């Protein structure tokens, strides 16, 4: 399985030991694992990964460009200029600022900008309105393309998956919803949004493609909970599991 983290480019300012509570006359290697990363008052496990091997003396205060690995499913939470702290115990060892967020679905400004637009706007393409719609599904697909993505109902999001309408743009907000509640019920039954998402594991998810492995890992890890959920039929549970296994086998054989 691919990594559960992504690289973020940043710059850290290493504080003098006198400001961090470290004993003077000690030295510190910068390329170590710091167990606690504090961002927006939330704690995350983060690995620093950068080429420097320099040893800092106790009086040093310097800035170093680094990359660090950030939890991959923090969709739309980061942006250039965000500040963070890296701590050991109760001591702030380093403070930093994000220089670049490479993937647009991780960048909160780009993410918010995207979901405030419609699929029509994002694709820069308008469907021709027919004189008469062939079915209510066709009509609803036309309508959902015109609405801002963040205004789409759960059923409209499910329909975007089932009819392959703008999936590259709707999948990030769908994943955000499923991370909070795997059993979302649209117009049919509990878990129908998760079911439809797993039917689309072999579809190109665009910028969200890097989330696919980790999302399926989380579902596999919690599948006992899904299996015991009384509101989901055995047929739906089997379909989700079978699609998960098929995706994993296809991925692993590449």
C-alpha atoms as a PDB file:
ATOM      1  CA  UNK A   1       0.000   0.000   0.000  1.00  0.00           C
ATOM      2  CA  UNK A   2       1.157   3.518  -0.662  1.00  0.00           C
ATOM      3  CA  UNK A   3       2.218   5.804   2.173  1.00  0.00           C
ATOM      4  CA  UNK A   4      -0.451   7.205   4.483  1.00  0.00           C
ATOM      5  CA  UNK A   5       1.247  10.591   4.325  1.00  0.00           C
ATOM      6  CA  UNK A   6       2.173  13.175   1.714  1.00  0.00           C
ATOM      7  CA  UNK A   7       5.179  15.458   1.505  1.00  0.00           C
ATOM      8  CA  UNK A   8       4.664  19.137   2.320  1.00  0.00           C
ATOM      9  CA  UNK A   9       7.361  21.711   1.656  1.00  0.00           C
ATOM     10  CA  UNK A  10       8.052  24.024   4.588  1.00  0.00           C
ATOM     11  CA  UNK A  11      10.627  26.114   6.361  1.00  0.00           C
ATOM     12  CA  UNK A  12      11.415  25.631  10.031  1.00  0.00           C
ATOM     13  CA  UNK A  13      13.041  28.021  12.445  1.00  0.00           C
ATOM     14  CA  UNK A  14      15.100  26.163  15.008  1.00  0.00           C
ATOM     15  CA  UNK A  15      15.037  27.986  18.326  1.00  0.00           C
ATOM     16  CA  UNK A  16      18.082  28.444  20.583  1.00  0.00           C
ATOM     17  CA  UNK A  17      18.112  25.880  23.350  1.00  0.00           C
ATOM     18  CA  UNK A  18      17.653  28.655  25.903  1.00  0.00           C
ATOM     19  CA  UNK A  19      14.151  29.235  24.456  1.00  0.00           C
ATOM     20  CA  UNK A  20      13.152  25.565  24.346  1.00  0.00           C
ATOM     21  CA  UNK A  21      14.118  24.450  27.835  1.00  0.00           C
ATOM     22  CA  UNK A  22      17.003  22.272  26.609  1.00  0.00           C
ATOM     23  CA  UNK A  23      20.176  22.122  28.642  1.00  0.00           C
ATOM     24  CA  UNK A  24      22.944  24.341  27.334  1.00  0.00           C
ATOM     25  CA  UNK A  25      26.095  22.759  25.890  1.00  0.00           C
ATOM     26  CA  UNK A  26      23.993  19.981  24.312  1.00  0.00           C
ATOM     27  CA  UNK A  27      23.673  19.413  20.583  1.00  0.00           C
ATOM     28  CA  UNK A  28      20.715  18.360  18.443  1.00  0.00           C
ATOM     29  CA  UNK A  29      20.446  16.584  15.112  1.00  0.00           C
ATOM     30  CA  UNK A  30      17.709  18.063  12.948  1.00  0.00           C
ATOM     31  CA  UNK A  31      16.974  14.905  10.937  1.00  0.00           C
ATOM     32  CA  UNK A  32      15.259  13.061  13.780  1.00  0.00           C
ATOM     33  CA  UNK A  33      11.687  11.943  14.204  1.00  0.00           C
ATOM     34  CA  UNK A  34       9.651  14.386  16.268  1.00  0.00           C
ATOM     35  CA  UNK A  35       6.594  12.570  17.632  1.00  0.00           C
ATOM     36  CA  UNK A  36       4.255  15.535  18.003  1.00  0.00           C
ATOM     37  CA  UNK A  37       3.346  18.082  15.361  1.00  0.00           C
ATOM     38  CA  UNK A  38       0.953  20.861  16.393  1.00  0.00           C
ATOM     39  CA  UNK A  39      -1.096  22.520  13.670  1.00  0.00           C
ATOM     40  CA  UNK A  40      -4.244  24.585  14.227  1.00  0.00           C
ATOM     41  CA  UNK A  41      -4.274  23.291  17.818  1.00  0.00           C
ATOM     42  CA  UNK A  42      -4.465  19.705  16.573  1.00  0.00           C
ATOM     43  CA  UNK A  43      -1.777  17.085  17.143  1.00  0.00           C
ATOM     44  CA  UNK A  44      -0.563  14.800  14.356  1.00  0.00           C
ATOM     45  CA  UNK A  45       2.232  12.290  13.934  1.00  0.00           C
ATOM     46  CA  UNK A  46       4.643  13.674  11.341  1.00  0.00           C
ATOM     47  CA  UNK A  47       7.992  12.551   9.987  1.00  0.00           C
ATOM     48  CA  UNK A  48      10.553  15.148   8.976  1.00  0.00           C
ATOM     49  CA  UNK A  49      12.374  14.177   5.812  1.00  0.00           C
ATOM     50  CA  UNK A  50      15.135  16.363   4.449  1.00  0.00           C
ATOM     51  CA  UNK A  51      18.769  15.900   3.367  1.00  0.00           C
ATOM     52  CA  UNK A  52      20.599  17.944   6.003  1.00  0.00           C
ATOM     53  CA  UNK A  53      22.800  16.147   8.519  1.00  0.00           C
ATOM     54  CA  UNK A  54      23.931  19.248  10.333  1.00  0.00           C
ATOM     55  CA  UNK A  55      24.285  19.298  14.100  1.00  0.00           C
ATOM     56  CA  UNK A  56      22.992  22.445  15.767  1.00  0.00           C
ATOM     57  CA  UNK A  57      24.857  23.911  18.699  1.00  0.00           C
ATOM     58  CA  UNK A  58      22.950  25.037  21.764  1.00  0.00           C
ATOM     59  CA  UNK A  59      23.004  28.746  20.872  1.00  0.00           C
ATOM     60  CA  UNK A  60      22.003  28.301  17.223  1.00  0.00           C
ATOM     61  CA  UNK A  61      18.854  29.814  15.782  1.00  0.00           C
ATOM     62  CA  UNK A  62      18.487  29.183  12.071  1.00  0.00           C
ATOM     63  CA  UNK A  63      15.996  28.546   9.277  1.00  0.00           C
ATOM     64  CA  UNK A  64      16.047  25.351   7.234  1.00  0.00           C
ATOM     65  CA  UNK A  65      13.919  24.375   4.234  1.00  0.00           C
ATOM     66  CA  UNK A  66      12.454  20.908   4.788  1.00  0.00           C
ATOM     67  CA  UNK A  67       9.706  18.625   3.662  1.00  0.00           C
ATOM     68  CA  UNK A  68       7.557  16.797   6.159  1.00  0.00           C
ATOM     69  CA  UNK A  69       5.018  14.028   5.851  1.00  0.00           C
ATOM     70  CA  UNK A  70       1.472  14.999   6.735  1.00  0.00           C
ATOM     71  CA  UNK A  71      -1.559  12.685   7.248  1.00  0.00           C
ATOM     72  CA  UNK A  72      -2.952  12.133   3.780  1.00  0.00           C
ATOM     73  CA  UNK A  73      -6.661  12.436   4.525  1.00  0.00           C
ATOM     74  CA  UNK A  74      -6.502  15.954   5.936  1.00  0.00           C
ATOM     75  CA  UNK A  75      -8.426  17.166   2.880  1.00  0.00           C
ATOM     76  CA  UNK A  76      -8.516  20.917   2.380  1.00  0.00           C
ATOM     77  CA  UNK A  77      -6.714  21.803   5.630  1.00  0.00           C
ATOM     78  CA  UNK A  78      -3.360  23.294   4.596  1.00  0.00           C
ATOM     79  CA  UNK A  79      -2.183  26.368   2.737  1.00  0.00           C
ATOM     80  CA  UNK A  80       0.924  28.373   2.028  1.00  0.00           C
ATOM     81  CA  UNK A  81       1.912  30.523   5.015  1.00  0.00           C
ATOM     82  CA  UNK A  82       0.283  28.336   7.673  1.00  0.00           C
ATOM     83  CA  UNK A  83       2.324  28.193  10.871  1.00  0.00           C
ATOM     84  CA  UNK A  84       3.035  25.086  12.895  1.00  0.00           C
ATOM     85  CA  UNK A  85       5.021  23.912  15.915  1.00  0.00           C
ATOM     86  CA  UNK A  86       7.074  20.772  16.388  1.00  0.00           C
ATOM     87  CA  UNK A  87       7.369  19.778  20.019  1.00  0.00           C
ATOM     88  CA  UNK A  88       9.068  17.291  22.297  1.00  0.00           C
ATOM     89  CA  UNK A  89       7.067  16.768  25.442  1.00  0.00           C
ATOM     90  CA  UNK A  90       5.919  20.196  26.597  1.00  0.00           C
ATOM     91  CA  UNK A  91       8.738  22.022  24.828  1.00  0.00           C
ATOM     92  CA  UNK A  92       8.423  23.762  21.491  1.00  0.00           C
ATOM     93  CA  UNK A  93      11.564  22.691  19.648  1.00  0.00           C
ATOM     94  CA  UNK A  94      10.887  24.265  16.265  1.00  0.00           C
ATOM     95  CA  UNK A  95       8.403  26.604  14.658  1.00  0.00           C
ATOM     96  CA  UNK A  96       7.727  26.633  10.956  1.00  0.00           C
ATOM     97  CA  UNK A  97       5.774  27.939   8.015  1.00  0.00           C
ATOM     98  CA  UNK A  98       4.449  26.008   5.029  1.00  0.00           C
ATOM     99  CA  UNK A  99       6.051  27.112   1.755  1.00  0.00           C
ATOM    100  CA  UNK A 100       4.026  25.049  -0.701  1.00  0.00           C
ATOM    101  CA  UNK A 101       1.116  22.620  -0.784  1.00  0.00           C
ATOM    102  CA  UNK A 102       1.620  20.553  -3.912  1.00  0.00           C
ATOM    103  CA  UNK A 103      -1.735  18.807  -4.265  1.00  0.00           C
ATOM    104  CA  UNK A 104      -4.757  21.132  -4.727  1.00  0.00           C
ATOM    105  CA  UNK A 105      -7.148  18.964  -2.702  1.00  0.00           C
ATOM    106  CA  UNK A 106      -4.902  19.448   0.345  1.00  0.00           C
ATOM    107  CA  UNK A 107      -4.746  23.230  -0.125  1.00  0.00           C
ATOM    108  CA  UNK A 108      -7.645  24.733   1.803  1.00  0.00           C
ATOM    109  CA  UNK A 109      -7.961  27.803  -0.435  1.00  0.00           C
ATOM    110  CA  UNK A 110      -7.963  25.828  -3.687  1.00  0.00           C
ATOM    111  CA  UNK A 111     -10.233  23.207  -2.150  1.00  0.00           C
ATOM    112  CA  UNK A 112     -12.754  25.794  -0.958  1.00  0.00           C
ATOM    113  CA  UNK A 113     -12.555  27.562  -4.321  1.00  0.00           C
ATOM    114  CA  UNK A 114     -13.244  24.314  -6.198  1.00  0.00           C
ATOM    115  CA  UNK A 115     -16.204  23.183  -4.112  1.00  0.00           C
ATOM    116  CA  UNK A 116     -17.784  26.643  -4.335  1.00  0.00           C
ATOM    117  CA  UNK A 117     -17.981  26.204  -8.120  1.00  0.00           C
ATOM    118  CA  UNK A 118     -20.219  23.952 -10.191  1.00  0.00           C
ATOM    119  CA  UNK A 119     -19.089  20.997 -12.274  1.00  0.00           C
ATOM    120  CA  UNK A 120     -19.989  23.050 -15.350  1.00  0.00           C
ATOM    121  CA  UNK A 121     -17.628  25.816 -14.249  1.00  0.00           C
ATOM    122  CA  UNK A 122     -14.806  23.468 -13.285  1.00  0.00           C
ATOM    123  CA  UNK A 123     -15.036  21.524 -16.538  1.00  0.00           C
ATOM    124  CA  UNK A 124     -15.640  24.736 -18.523  1.00  0.00           C
ATOM    125  CA  UNK A 125     -18.311  22.837 -20.409  1.00  0.00           C
ATOM    126  CA  UNK A 126     -22.082  23.177 -20.619  1.00  0.00           C
ATOM    127  CA  UNK A 127     -24.409  20.391 -21.629  1.00  0.00           C
ATOM    128  CA  UNK A 128     -27.048  21.275 -24.190  1.00  0.00           C
ATOM    129  CA  UNK A 129     -30.493  21.362 -22.581  1.00  0.00           C
ATOM    130  CA  UNK A 130     -32.820  18.944 -24.404  1.00  0.00           C
ATOM    131  CA  UNK A 131     -36.405  19.818 -25.295  1.00  0.00           C
ATOM    132  CA  UNK A 132     -37.477  16.874 -23.186  1.00  0.00           C
ATOM    133  CA  UNK A 133     -35.462  14.823 -20.695  1.00  0.00           C
ATOM    134  CA  UNK A 134     -35.409  11.080 -21.361  1.00  0.00           C
ATOM    135  CA  UNK A 135     -35.719  10.325 -17.642  1.00  0.00           C
ATOM    136  CA  UNK A 136     -35.635  11.937 -14.209  1.00  0.00           C
ATOM    137  CA  UNK A 137     -32.064  10.679 -13.788  1.00  0.00           C
ATOM    138  CA  UNK A 138     -30.929  12.530 -16.917  1.00  0.00           C
ATOM    139  CA  UNK A 139     -32.715  15.675 -15.742  1.00  0.00           C
ATOM    140  CA  UNK A 140     -31.140  15.453 -12.269  1.00  0.00           C
ATOM    141  CA  UNK A 141     -27.679  14.997 -13.801  1.00  0.00           C
ATOM    142  CA  UNK A 142     -28.178  18.194 -15.811  1.00  0.00           C
ATOM    143  CA  UNK A 143     -29.322  20.038 -12.692  1.00  0.00           C
ATOM    144  CA  UNK A 144     -26.521  18.865 -10.393  1.00  0.00           C
ATOM    145  CA  UNK A 145     -23.901  20.033 -12.903  1.00  0.00           C
ATOM    146  CA  UNK A 146     -25.154  23.600 -12.440  1.00  0.00           C
ATOM    147  CA  UNK A 147     -25.038  23.694  -8.609  1.00  0.00           C
ATOM    148  CA  UNK A 148     -21.964  24.575  -6.519  1.00  0.00           C
ATOM    149  CA  UNK A 149     -20.455  21.280  -5.344  1.00  0.00           C
ATOM    150  CA  UNK A 150     -20.745  22.270  -1.697  1.00  0.00           C
ATOM    151  CA  UNK A 151     -24.506  22.742  -2.214  1.00  0.00           C
ATOM    152  CA  UNK A 152     -25.094  19.258  -3.620  1.00  0.00           C
ATOM    153  CA  UNK A 153     -27.220  16.957  -1.487  1.00  0.00           C
ATOM    154  CA  UNK A 154     -25.959  13.516  -0.446  1.00  0.00           C
ATOM    155  CA  UNK A 155     -28.188  11.962  -3.108  1.00  0.00           C
ATOM    156  CA  UNK A 156     -26.828  14.293  -5.786  1.00  0.00           C
ATOM    157  CA  UNK A 157     -23.300  13.327  -4.792  1.00  0.00           C
ATOM    158  CA  UNK A 158     -24.227   9.642  -5.009  1.00  0.00           C
ATOM    159  CA  UNK A 159     -25.795  10.307  -8.432  1.00  0.00           C
ATOM    160  CA  UNK A 160     -22.594  11.995  -9.629  1.00  0.00           C
ATOM    161  CA  UNK A 161     -20.810   8.717  -8.849  1.00  0.00           C
ATOM    162  CA  UNK A 162     -23.367   6.347 -10.324  1.00  0.00           C
ATOM    163  CA  UNK A 163     -23.682   8.364 -13.553  1.00  0.00           C
ATOM    164  CA  UNK A 164     -19.997   9.379 -13.768  1.00  0.00           C
ATOM    165  CA  UNK A 165     -20.739  13.100 -13.674  1.00  0.00           C
ATOM    166  CA  UNK A 166     -17.798  15.220 -12.511  1.00  0.00           C
ATOM    167  CA  UNK A 167     -16.399  12.538 -10.200  1.00  0.00           C
ATOM    168  CA  UNK A 168     -12.948  14.184 -10.126  1.00  0.00           C
ATOM    169  CA  UNK A 169     -14.556  17.224  -8.494  1.00  0.00           C
ATOM    170  CA  UNK A 170     -17.151  15.589  -6.232  1.00  0.00           C
ATOM    171  CA  UNK A 171     -15.007  12.773  -4.801  1.00  0.00           C
ATOM    172  CA  UNK A 172     -13.042  14.961  -2.305  1.00  0.00           C
ATOM    173  CA  UNK A 173     -16.209  16.192  -0.612  1.00  0.00           C
ATOM    174  CA  UNK A 174     -17.677  12.668  -0.734  1.00  0.00           C
ATOM    175  CA  UNK A 175     -14.605  11.287   1.043  1.00  0.00           C
ATOM    176  CA  UNK A 176     -14.802  14.042   3.640  1.00  0.00           C
ATOM    177  CA  UNK A 177     -18.392  13.049   4.369  1.00  0.00           C
ATOM    178  CA  UNK A 178     -17.630   9.319   4.516  1.00  0.00           C
ATOM    179  CA  UNK A 179     -14.719   9.865   6.899  1.00  0.00           C
ATOM    180  CA  UNK A 180     -17.218  11.402   9.322  1.00  0.00           C
ATOM    181  CA  UNK A 181     -19.979   8.854   8.683  1.00  0.00           C
ATOM    182  CA  UNK A 182     -19.470   5.679   6.646  1.00  0.00           C
ATOM    183  CA  UNK A 183     -23.188   4.875   6.797  1.00  0.00           C
ATOM    184  CA  UNK A 184     -24.627   7.952   5.091  1.00  0.00           C
ATOM    185  CA  UNK A 185     -28.063   7.142   3.675  1.00  0.00           C
ATOM    186  CA  UNK A 186     -29.023   8.897   0.431  1.00  0.00           C
ATOM    187  CA  UNK A 187     -32.305   7.969  -1.258  1.00  0.00           C
ATOM    188  CA  UNK A 188     -32.043   4.220  -0.725  1.00  0.00           C
ATOM    189  CA  UNK A 189     -30.491   2.706   2.418  1.00  0.00           C
ATOM    190  CA  UNK A 190     -27.681   3.217   4.964  1.00  0.00           C
ATOM    191  CA  UNK A 191     -24.293   2.837   3.286  1.00  0.00           C
ATOM    192  CA  UNK A 192     -25.501   3.538  -0.261  1.00  0.00           C
ATOM    193  CA  UNK A 193     -22.968   6.379  -0.693  1.00  0.00           C
ATOM    194  CA  UNK A 194     -20.112   4.128   0.466  1.00  0.00           C
ATOM    195  CA  UNK A 195     -21.372   1.368  -1.817  1.00  0.00           C
ATOM    196  CA  UNK A 196     -21.396   3.690  -4.842  1.00  0.00           C
ATOM    197  CA  UNK A 197     -17.924   5.025  -3.974  1.00  0.00           C
ATOM    198  CA  UNK A 198     -16.516   1.490  -3.966  1.00  0.00           C
ATOM    199  CA  UNK A 199     -18.112   0.828  -7.337  1.00  0.00           C
ATOM    200  CA  UNK A 200     -15.896   3.643  -8.650  1.00  0.00           C
ATOM    201  CA  UNK A 201     -12.520   2.490  -7.319  1.00  0.00           C
ATOM    202  CA  UNK A 202     -11.295   1.824 -10.866  1.00  0.00           C
ATOM    203  CA  UNK A 203     -12.416   5.267 -12.101  1.00  0.00           C
ATOM    204  CA  UNK A 204      -9.857   8.063 -12.352  1.00  0.00           C
ATOM    205  CA  UNK A 205     -10.253  10.245  -9.244  1.00  0.00           C
ATOM    206  CA  UNK A 206      -8.074  13.042 -10.627  1.00  0.00           C
ATOM    207  CA  UNK A 207      -6.213  14.943  -7.896  1.00  0.00           C
ATOM    208  CA  UNK A 208      -7.845  12.639  -5.333  1.00  0.00           C
ATOM    209  CA  UNK A 209      -6.189   9.544  -6.806  1.00  0.00           C
ATOM    210  CA  UNK A 210      -3.532   9.636  -4.072  1.00  0.00           C
ATOM    211  CA  UNK A 211      -6.303   9.223  -1.452  1.00  0.00           C
ATOM    212  CA  UNK A 212      -7.645   5.982  -2.901  1.00  0.00           C
ATOM    213  CA  UNK A 213      -5.225   3.542  -1.253  1.00  0.00           C
ATOM    214  CA  UNK A 214      -5.481   5.099   2.163  1.00  0.00           C
ATOM    215  CA  UNK A 215      -9.268   5.374   2.043  1.00  0.00           C
ATOM    216  CA  UNK A 216      -9.636   1.702   1.103  1.00  0.00           C
ATOM    217  CA  UNK A 217      -7.156   0.821   3.876  1.00  0.00           C
ATOM    218  CA  UNK A 218      -9.329   2.625   6.428  1.00  0.00           C
ATOM    219  CA  UNK A 219     -12.445   0.799   5.236  1.00  0.00           C
ATOM    220  CA  UNK A 220     -10.673  -2.587   5.366  1.00  0.00           C
ATOM    221  CA  UNK A 221      -9.375  -1.775   8.853  1.00  0.00           C
ATOM    222  CA  UNK A 222     -12.945  -1.003   9.993  1.00  0.00           C
ATOM    223  CA  UNK A 223     -14.719  -3.688   8.009  1.00  0.00           C
ATOM    224  CA  UNK A 224     -15.654  -5.719  11.100  1.00  0.00           C
ATOM    225  CA  UNK A 225     -17.637  -2.696  12.246  1.00  0.00           C
ATOM    226  CA  UNK A 226     -19.339  -2.456   8.831  1.00  0.00           C
ATOM    227  CA  UNK A 227     -20.009  -6.206   8.826  1.00  0.00           C
ATOM    228  CA  UNK A 228     -21.780  -5.990  12.185  1.00  0.00           C
ATOM    229  CA  UNK A 229     -23.899  -2.960  11.211  1.00  0.00           C
ATOM    230  CA  UNK A 230     -27.518  -4.132  11.309  1.00  0.00           C
ATOM    231  CA  UNK A 231     -28.774  -1.345   9.039  1.00  0.00           C
ATOM    232  CA  UNK A 232     -26.748  -2.509   6.024  1.00  0.00           C
ATOM    233  CA  UNK A 233     -27.911  -5.552   4.103  1.00  0.00           C
ATOM    234  CA  UNK A 234     -25.634  -8.556   3.666  1.00  0.00           C
ATOM    235  CA  UNK A 235     -25.795  -8.055  -0.101  1.00  0.00           C
ATOM    236  CA  UNK A 236     -24.415  -4.508   0.174  1.00  0.00           C
ATOM    237  CA  UNK A 237     -21.711  -5.608   2.632  1.00  0.00           C
ATOM    238  CA  UNK A 238     -20.588  -8.377   0.252  1.00  0.00           C
ATOM    239  CA  UNK A 239     -20.513  -5.991  -2.711  1.00  0.00           C
ATOM    240  CA  UNK A 240     -18.388  -3.425  -0.834  1.00  0.00           C
ATOM    241  CA  UNK A 241     -15.978  -6.136   0.333  1.00  0.00           C
ATOM    242  CA  UNK A 242     -15.741  -7.761  -3.117  1.00  0.00           C
ATOM    243  CA  UNK A 243     -15.012  -4.404  -4.780  1.00  0.00           C
ATOM    244  CA  UNK A 244     -12.384  -3.723  -2.125  1.00  0.00           C
ATOM    245  CA  UNK A 245     -10.648  -7.068  -2.716  1.00  0.00           C
ATOM    246  CA  UNK A 246     -10.815  -6.674  -6.509  1.00  0.00           C
ATOM    247  CA  UNK A 247      -9.263  -3.206  -6.277  1.00  0.00           C
ATOM    248  CA  UNK A 248      -6.473  -4.388  -3.965  1.00  0.00           C
ATOM    249  CA  UNK A 249      -5.669  -7.373  -6.192  1.00  0.00           C
ATOM    250  CA  UNK A 250      -5.588  -5.222  -9.337  1.00  0.00           C
ATOM    251  CA  UNK A 251      -3.393  -2.632  -7.644  1.00  0.00           C
ATOM    252  CA  UNK A 252      -0.979  -5.200  -6.207  1.00  0.00           C
ATOM    253  CA  UNK A 253      -0.567  -6.969  -9.566  1.00  0.00           C
ATOM    254  CA  UNK A 254       0.451  -3.801 -11.403  1.00  0.00           C
END
